[in-house]
Protein backbone atom coordinates (compact mmCIF):
# COMPACT_ATOMS: atom_id res chain seq x y z
CA MET A 1 -42.44 19.27 98.41
CA SER A 2 -43.59 16.10 100.16
CA GLN A 3 -46.53 15.98 102.52
CA PRO A 4 -45.72 15.86 106.24
CA VAL A 5 -46.69 12.84 108.31
CA ARG A 6 -50.00 13.71 109.96
CA VAL A 7 -50.05 12.70 113.61
CA ALA A 8 -52.58 12.90 116.42
CA PHE A 9 -52.17 12.51 120.17
CA VAL A 10 -54.53 10.76 122.56
CA GLY A 11 -53.44 11.98 125.97
CA THR A 12 -51.76 15.36 126.31
CA GLY A 13 -50.19 15.14 129.76
CA GLY A 14 -46.52 15.26 130.70
CA ILE A 15 -45.11 12.43 128.60
CA ALA A 16 -46.97 13.65 125.51
CA GLY A 17 -45.06 16.91 125.82
CA SER A 18 -41.77 15.01 125.74
CA HIS A 19 -42.80 13.21 122.57
CA LEU A 20 -43.99 16.48 121.05
CA LYS A 21 -40.55 18.03 121.66
CA GLN A 22 -38.91 15.13 119.84
CA LEU A 23 -41.25 15.55 116.87
CA ALA A 24 -40.58 19.30 116.84
CA SER A 25 -36.83 18.62 116.73
CA ILE A 26 -37.36 16.53 113.59
CA ASN A 27 -39.04 19.50 111.94
CA GLU A 28 -36.34 21.91 113.14
CA ALA A 29 -33.65 19.74 111.54
CA SER A 30 -35.40 19.72 108.18
CA ALA A 31 -35.77 22.32 105.44
CA GLU A 32 -39.50 21.57 105.32
CA PRO A 33 -41.91 20.24 107.96
CA LEU A 34 -41.85 16.46 108.15
CA VAL A 35 -44.44 16.08 110.92
CA GLN A 36 -47.75 17.86 111.41
CA ILE A 37 -49.76 17.49 114.60
CA ALA A 38 -53.27 17.43 113.17
CA ALA A 39 -55.44 16.64 116.20
CA VAL A 40 -55.24 16.07 119.93
CA CYS A 41 -57.47 14.40 122.46
CA ASP A 42 -57.59 14.45 126.24
CA VAL A 43 -60.38 14.00 128.77
CA ASP A 44 -59.30 17.39 130.16
CA GLU A 45 -60.41 19.78 127.42
CA SER A 46 -58.42 22.74 128.72
CA ARG A 47 -55.22 20.65 128.74
CA ALA A 48 -55.97 19.38 125.22
CA SER A 49 -56.61 22.93 124.00
CA ALA A 50 -53.36 24.21 125.50
CA PHE A 51 -51.44 21.31 123.94
CA ALA A 52 -53.09 21.95 120.57
CA GLN A 53 -52.17 25.61 120.73
CA SER A 54 -48.54 24.74 121.54
CA CYS A 55 -48.19 22.54 118.46
CA GLY A 56 -50.54 24.15 115.95
CA ALA A 57 -53.14 21.39 115.96
CA THR A 58 -56.52 22.66 114.81
CA ALA A 59 -58.72 19.83 116.08
CA VAL A 60 -59.31 19.21 119.79
CA TYR A 61 -61.33 16.31 121.19
CA THR A 62 -62.21 14.88 124.59
CA ASP A 63 -63.13 11.42 123.28
CA HIS A 64 -60.75 9.28 121.20
CA ARG A 65 -63.61 7.62 119.33
CA THR A 66 -64.77 11.00 118.04
CA LEU A 67 -61.22 11.90 117.04
CA LEU A 68 -60.85 8.66 115.10
CA ASP A 69 -64.28 9.02 113.46
CA LYS A 70 -63.68 12.59 112.33
CA GLU A 71 -59.92 12.65 111.70
CA GLY A 72 -58.89 9.03 111.20
CA ASN A 73 -58.92 9.04 107.40
CA GLY A 74 -56.60 12.04 107.30
CA LEU A 75 -54.05 10.75 109.78
CA ASP A 76 -50.95 8.62 109.34
CA ALA A 77 -50.10 7.85 112.96
CA LEU A 78 -51.36 8.12 116.50
CA TYR A 79 -49.45 8.69 119.74
CA ILE A 80 -51.23 7.09 122.68
CA CYS A 81 -50.01 8.73 125.89
CA VAL A 82 -52.58 7.80 128.50
CA PRO A 83 -52.17 6.30 131.98
CA PRO A 84 -52.26 2.50 132.30
CA PHE A 85 -55.88 2.31 133.45
CA ALA A 86 -57.03 4.41 130.48
CA HIS A 87 -55.92 1.98 127.76
CA THR A 88 -59.34 0.82 126.63
CA ASP A 89 -60.02 0.32 122.94
CA VAL A 90 -58.00 3.16 121.39
CA GLU A 91 -55.19 0.94 120.06
CA ILE A 92 -57.64 -1.49 118.46
CA LEU A 93 -59.76 1.25 116.88
CA ALA A 94 -56.66 3.07 115.60
CA ALA A 95 -55.22 -0.11 114.09
CA GLU A 96 -58.56 -0.85 112.43
CA ALA A 97 -58.43 2.68 110.98
CA GLY A 98 -55.01 1.87 109.50
CA LEU A 99 -53.04 4.18 111.76
CA HIS A 100 -49.50 3.41 112.81
CA LEU A 101 -49.09 3.56 116.59
CA PHE A 102 -46.68 4.80 119.17
CA VAL A 103 -47.95 3.65 122.56
CA GLU A 104 -46.54 4.92 125.80
CA LYS A 105 -45.85 2.18 128.31
CA PRO A 106 -47.26 0.18 129.88
CA VAL A 107 -49.41 -0.92 127.00
CA VAL A 108 -51.97 -2.76 129.12
CA LEU A 109 -52.51 -4.11 132.59
CA GLU A 110 -54.12 -7.38 131.47
CA LEU A 111 -52.57 -9.94 129.10
CA ALA A 112 -55.86 -10.72 127.35
CA GLN A 113 -56.27 -7.08 126.31
CA GLY A 114 -52.67 -6.99 125.09
CA LEU A 115 -53.29 -10.03 122.92
CA GLN A 116 -56.42 -8.40 121.44
CA ILE A 117 -54.39 -5.31 120.57
CA LEU A 118 -51.63 -7.43 119.06
CA GLU A 119 -54.16 -9.26 116.88
CA ALA A 120 -55.70 -5.97 115.70
CA ILE A 121 -52.25 -4.60 114.81
CA ARG A 122 -51.30 -7.75 112.92
CA ALA A 123 -54.64 -7.89 111.09
CA ALA A 124 -54.35 -4.25 110.03
CA GLY A 125 -50.70 -4.54 109.03
CA VAL A 126 -49.76 -1.32 110.81
CA MET A 127 -46.53 -0.53 112.61
CA SER A 128 -46.56 -0.22 116.36
CA SER A 129 -43.90 0.86 118.81
CA VAL A 130 -43.92 1.08 122.59
CA GLY A 131 -42.13 3.86 124.46
CA TYR A 132 -39.52 1.87 126.31
CA SER A 133 -36.90 4.50 125.53
CA LEU A 134 -35.27 4.54 128.98
CA ARG A 135 -34.27 0.90 128.72
CA TYR A 136 -31.76 1.90 126.03
CA ARG A 137 -29.97 4.48 128.17
CA HIS A 138 -26.38 3.84 129.12
CA PRO A 139 -26.86 2.94 132.85
CA TRP A 140 -29.41 0.24 132.07
CA ARG A 141 -27.34 -1.24 129.24
CA THR A 142 -24.30 -1.30 131.53
CA ALA A 143 -26.28 -2.99 134.33
CA ARG A 144 -27.67 -5.53 131.87
CA ASP A 145 -24.19 -6.30 130.56
CA LEU A 146 -22.76 -6.68 134.07
CA LEU A 147 -25.59 -8.94 135.20
CA HIS A 148 -25.37 -10.99 132.03
CA GLU A 149 -21.69 -11.73 132.68
């Protein structure tokens, strides 16, 4: 039996729930769990606790730095699902900890910060993906194709 990918969430609001459902569907389609939600973090402790209970996470934090300090070595990936203004240093610290990232859009509000994050990701050699999933839906692809013609 292989070990599941250990994931944590920073931000447990609405969009995090959507991502959690997708991860749960991966486990449901498999004979053995492929993903384990190990820890969650949100500035609203009651929301983080409820999210943790819904996914079986045993560690709950209200500060991402504490989560990374205490859990970082045991994690494989981090979902960052915070509002635009709340993207501070979490991506950089996670990359430096060697964690692969899924970052909900928008990544940053300022180009300089985005370039710092990019450099940290490249230096660490981790994978990073941004949640631009809606741009791949049929209506947007059709509009793009029509405008391109």
